Amino acid sequence: MQAFTKLNGIVAPVDRVNVDTDAIIPKQFLKRIERTGFGQYLFYEWRFDEAGGNIDSFSLNQPRYQGSTVLISRANFGCGSSREHAPWAILDYGFRVVIAPSFADIFYNNCFKNGILPIKLSEEQVEELFQRTDATEGYKLNVDLESKTITDEQGLHIDFDLDEHRRQFLLQGLDDIGLTLQHESAIEAYEKKHGDRLFA
């Protein structure tokens, strides 16, 4: 998993509450077994009409938000089913940071396992980010996980909270498997010592 330390990126807004995982990645695209290739289907039914044409009013189809790596949204982001394909699609599209007032628990946990930094801010702070994003084309945020700060070139400074265990997961680029492999030598030693009992 790619480590996360700092990011300077264009912000894209999805100005909706209760964005559920079926909206993030519709069920008809869950047939792939790889973790990659889902970005093209992110917010599919909001981005494209029935003929497959772009819906120009949706933010991700607008030129000013192309290449964005920071997504901002409203409360209860990632609700609905527990599909891990949702963070896969967000990451594959190019987002490394998602900012919202609140997240569904399973989605929130899945973000850390896939190298995405979900940041919880107050409703007022998120509203300010929406206003700044709307006012400035190509609006960028600096997200620093080491100092747990969000800044911009206009003087914005926001501190955010994050559980230290999860913070270290991202800083070191560790998922559950990577964390286990940190103890690989101890595991191998145990297997050698108790191999007969383990595989009898």
Protein backbone atom coordinates (compact mmCIF):
# COMPACT_ATOMS: atom_id res chain seq x y z
CA MET A 1 0.00 0.00 0.00
CA GLN A 2 1.30 3.46 -0.86
CA ALA A 3 2.24 5.52 2.19
CA PHE A 4 0.56 8.86 2.80
CA THR A 5 2.44 11.79 4.31
CA LYS A 6 1.54 15.01 2.51
CA LEU A 7 -0.64 15.95 -0.42
CA ASN A 8 -1.17 19.16 -2.37
CA GLY A 9 -4.13 18.65 -4.62
CA ILE A 10 -7.12 20.10 -6.45
CA VAL A 11 -10.40 19.83 -4.55
CA ALA A 12 -13.58 18.43 -6.12
CA PRO A 13 -16.98 18.80 -4.43
CA VAL A 14 -19.84 16.32 -4.24
CA ASP A 15 -22.42 18.47 -2.51
CA ARG A 16 -24.79 15.80 -1.22
CA VAL A 17 -25.58 14.22 2.13
CA ASN A 18 -25.86 10.46 2.64
CA VAL A 19 -23.73 9.52 -0.37
CA ASP A 20 -24.09 5.75 -0.28
CA THR A 21 -21.76 3.09 -1.63
CA ASP A 22 -24.15 2.19 -4.45
CA ALA A 23 -23.86 5.76 -5.71
CA ILE A 24 -20.08 5.63 -5.30
CA ILE A 25 -19.80 2.37 -7.29
CA PRO A 26 -23.08 0.90 -8.63
CA LYS A 27 -23.66 -2.81 -8.11
CA GLN A 28 -23.44 -3.74 -11.81
CA PHE A 29 -19.71 -2.96 -11.76
CA LEU A 30 -18.79 -5.26 -8.87
CA LYS A 31 -17.93 -8.25 -11.07
CA ARG A 32 -14.22 -7.47 -11.30
CA ILE A 33 -11.95 -9.39 -8.95
CA GLU A 34 -9.04 -6.93 -9.10
CA ARG A 35 -8.84 -3.81 -6.97
CA THR A 36 -8.07 -1.66 -10.00
CA GLY A 37 -10.19 -0.42 -12.87
CA PHE A 38 -13.11 0.84 -10.78
CA GLY A 39 -12.30 4.55 -11.08
CA GLN A 40 -14.02 4.82 -14.45
CA TYR A 41 -17.28 3.81 -12.76
CA LEU A 42 -17.04 6.17 -9.78
CA PHE A 43 -20.39 7.99 -9.28
CA TYR A 44 -21.38 6.42 -12.60
CA GLU A 45 -25.10 7.17 -12.48
CA TRP A 46 -24.40 10.81 -11.53
CA ARG A 47 -21.68 11.28 -14.14
CA PHE A 48 -23.34 9.67 -17.15
CA ASP A 49 -26.79 9.58 -18.72
CA GLU A 50 -28.52 6.44 -20.01
CA ALA A 51 -26.74 6.78 -23.38
CA GLY A 52 -23.34 6.98 -21.69
CA GLY A 53 -22.92 10.70 -22.29
CA ASN A 54 -21.51 13.07 -19.70
CA ILE A 55 -23.90 14.86 -17.36
CA ASP A 56 -22.19 18.24 -17.49
CA SER A 57 -23.75 19.54 -14.29
CA PHE A 58 -21.98 16.91 -12.18
CA SER A 59 -18.78 18.25 -10.69
CA LEU A 60 -16.38 15.51 -11.79
CA ASN A 61 -17.32 16.16 -15.43
CA GLN A 62 -16.39 19.84 -15.22
CA PRO A 63 -12.95 20.87 -16.54
CA ARG A 64 -12.08 22.85 -13.40
CA TYR A 65 -12.10 19.68 -11.29
CA GLN A 66 -10.05 17.45 -13.59
CA GLY A 67 -7.05 15.89 -11.89
CA SER A 68 -8.51 16.42 -8.43
CA THR A 69 -7.11 14.34 -5.56
CA VAL A 70 -9.17 15.75 -2.66
CA LEU A 71 -12.90 15.04 -2.45
CA ILE A 72 -15.22 17.02 -0.18
CA SER A 73 -18.76 16.00 0.62
CA ARG A 74 -21.47 16.23 3.25
CA ALA A 75 -22.54 14.18 6.27
CA ASN A 76 -22.72 10.38 6.38
CA PHE A 77 -20.49 9.79 3.39
CA GLY A 78 -20.09 6.13 2.41
CA CYS A 79 -23.31 4.86 3.99
CA GLY A 80 -25.22 1.85 2.67
CA SER A 81 -23.68 -1.54 1.96
CA SER A 82 -20.21 -2.44 3.20
CA ARG A 83 -18.66 -3.03 -0.24
CA GLU A 84 -14.92 -2.40 -0.24
CA HIS A 85 -15.21 -1.56 -3.93
CA ALA A 86 -16.27 1.96 -2.89
CA PRO A 87 -12.84 3.02 -1.60
CA TRP A 88 -11.25 1.06 -4.46
CA ALA A 89 -13.17 3.23 -6.95
CA ILE A 90 -12.32 6.45 -5.12
CA LEU A 91 -8.62 5.60 -5.01
CA ASP A 92 -8.50 4.33 -8.59
CA TYR A 93 -10.08 7.57 -9.80
CA GLY A 94 -7.26 9.49 -8.13
CA PHE A 95 -8.57 10.67 -4.76
CA ARG A 96 -6.27 10.19 -1.76
CA VAL A 97 -8.25 12.38 0.67
CA VAL A 98 -11.98 12.52 1.42
CA ILE A 99 -13.26 15.27 3.72
CA ALA A 100 -16.75 15.23 5.25
CA PRO A 101 -18.47 15.97 8.56
CA SER A 102 -19.09 12.25 9.15
CA PHE A 103 -18.59 8.86 7.52
CA ALA A 104 -20.28 5.49 7.72
CA ASP A 105 -18.13 3.34 10.01
CA ILE A 106 -17.33 0.48 7.63
CA PHE A 107 -16.46 2.82 4.76
CA TYR A 108 -14.29 4.89 7.10
CA ASN A 109 -12.34 1.82 8.22
CA ASN A 110 -11.98 0.56 4.65
CA CYS A 111 -10.39 3.84 3.59
CA PHE A 112 -7.41 3.30 5.87
CA LYS A 113 -6.97 -0.24 4.57
CA ASN A 114 -6.67 1.13 1.03
CA GLY A 115 -4.42 4.15 1.50
CA ILE A 116 -7.13 6.83 1.59
CA LEU A 117 -7.18 9.50 4.30
CA PRO A 118 -10.76 10.25 5.43
CA ILE A 119 -10.90 13.47 7.46
CA LYS A 120 -13.79 14.46 9.70
CA LEU A 121 -14.37 18.19 10.08
CA SER A 122 -17.24 20.20 11.49
CA GLU A 123 -20.19 21.18 9.30
CA GLU A 124 -18.96 24.79 9.43
CA GLN A 125 -15.45 23.89 8.34
CA VAL A 126 -16.72 21.74 5.48
CA GLU A 127 -19.04 24.53 4.37
CA GLU A 128 -16.08 26.91 4.25
CA LEU A 129 -14.21 24.46 2.05
CA PHE A 130 -17.19 24.24 -0.30
CA GLN A 131 -17.31 28.03 -0.55
CA ARG A 132 -13.57 28.31 -1.20
CA THR A 133 -13.72 25.55 -3.81
CA ASP A 134 -16.61 27.27 -5.59
CA ALA A 135 -14.91 30.69 -5.53
CA THR A 136 -11.53 29.64 -6.91
CA GLU A 137 -10.99 27.58 -10.05
CA GLY A 138 -8.36 24.92 -9.46
CA TYR A 139 -8.64 25.42 -5.70
CA LYS A 140 -6.02 23.35 -3.88
CA LEU A 141 -5.53 22.12 -0.35
CA ASN A 142 -2.34 21.08 1.39
CA VAL A 143 -3.05 18.06 3.59
CA ASP A 144 -0.26 17.16 5.99
CA LEU A 145 -0.79 13.91 7.87
CA GLU A 146 2.41 14.33 9.89
CA SER A 147 1.19 17.57 11.48
CA LYS A 148 -2.55 16.76 11.03
CA THR A 149 -3.22 20.08 9.31
CA ILE A 150 -5.09 21.35 6.26
CA THR A 151 -3.95 24.63 4.69
CA ASP A 152 -4.36 26.58 1.48
CA GLU A 153 -2.57 29.50 -0.20
CA GLN A 154 -5.16 31.96 1.11
CA GLY A 155 -4.34 31.58 4.80
CA LEU A 156 -6.68 28.74 5.74
CA HIS A 157 -5.42 26.57 8.59
CA ILE A 158 -7.43 23.66 10.02
CA ASP A 159 -6.22 21.09 12.51
CA PHE A 160 -7.87 17.67 12.31
CA ASP A 161 -7.97 14.74 14.71
CA LEU A 162 -7.08 11.18 13.85
CA ASP A 163 -6.52 8.05 15.88
CA GLU A 164 -2.75 7.57 16.18
CA HIS A 165 -2.92 3.89 15.22
CA ARG A 166 -4.66 4.71 11.94
CA ARG A 167 -2.34 7.65 11.33
CA GLN A 168 0.67 5.37 11.59
CA PHE A 169 -0.96 2.85 9.24
CA LEU A 170 -1.09 5.51 6.53
CA LEU A 171 2.27 7.12 7.26
CA GLN A 172 3.98 3.73 6.96
CA GLY A 173 1.83 2.46 4.09
CA LEU A 174 0.60 -0.55 6.03
CA ASP A 175 -2.58 -2.51 5.54
CA ASP A 176 -3.50 -5.51 7.72
CA ILE A 177 -1.26 -7.83 5.72
CA GLY A 178 1.65 -5.38 5.84
CA LEU A 179 1.25 -5.07 9.58
CA THR A 180 1.38 -8.85 9.96
CA LEU A 181 4.46 -9.09 7.72
CA GLN A 182 6.34 -6.80 10.08
CA HIS A 183 6.49 -9.87 12.34
CA GLU A 184 7.47 -12.26 9.55
CA SER A 185 10.70 -13.42 11.19
CA ALA A 186 8.88 -14.24 14.45
CA ILE A 187 6.17 -16.09 12.54
CA GLU A 188 8.75 -18.13 10.63
CA ALA A 189 10.61 -18.97 13.85
CA TYR A 190 7.36 -20.14 15.46
CA GLU A 191 6.50 -22.27 12.44
CA LYS A 192 9.92 -23.93 12.49
CA LYS A 193 9.64 -24.65 16.19
CA HIS A 194 6.08 -25.95 16.09
CA GLY A 195 5.85 -27.13 12.48
CA ASP A 196 4.95 -30.71 13.31
CA ARG A 197 1.95 -29.66 15.36
CA LEU A 198 0.85 -26.91 12.97
CA PHE A 199 0.68 -29.10 9.88
CA ALA A 200 -0.11 -32.53 11.32
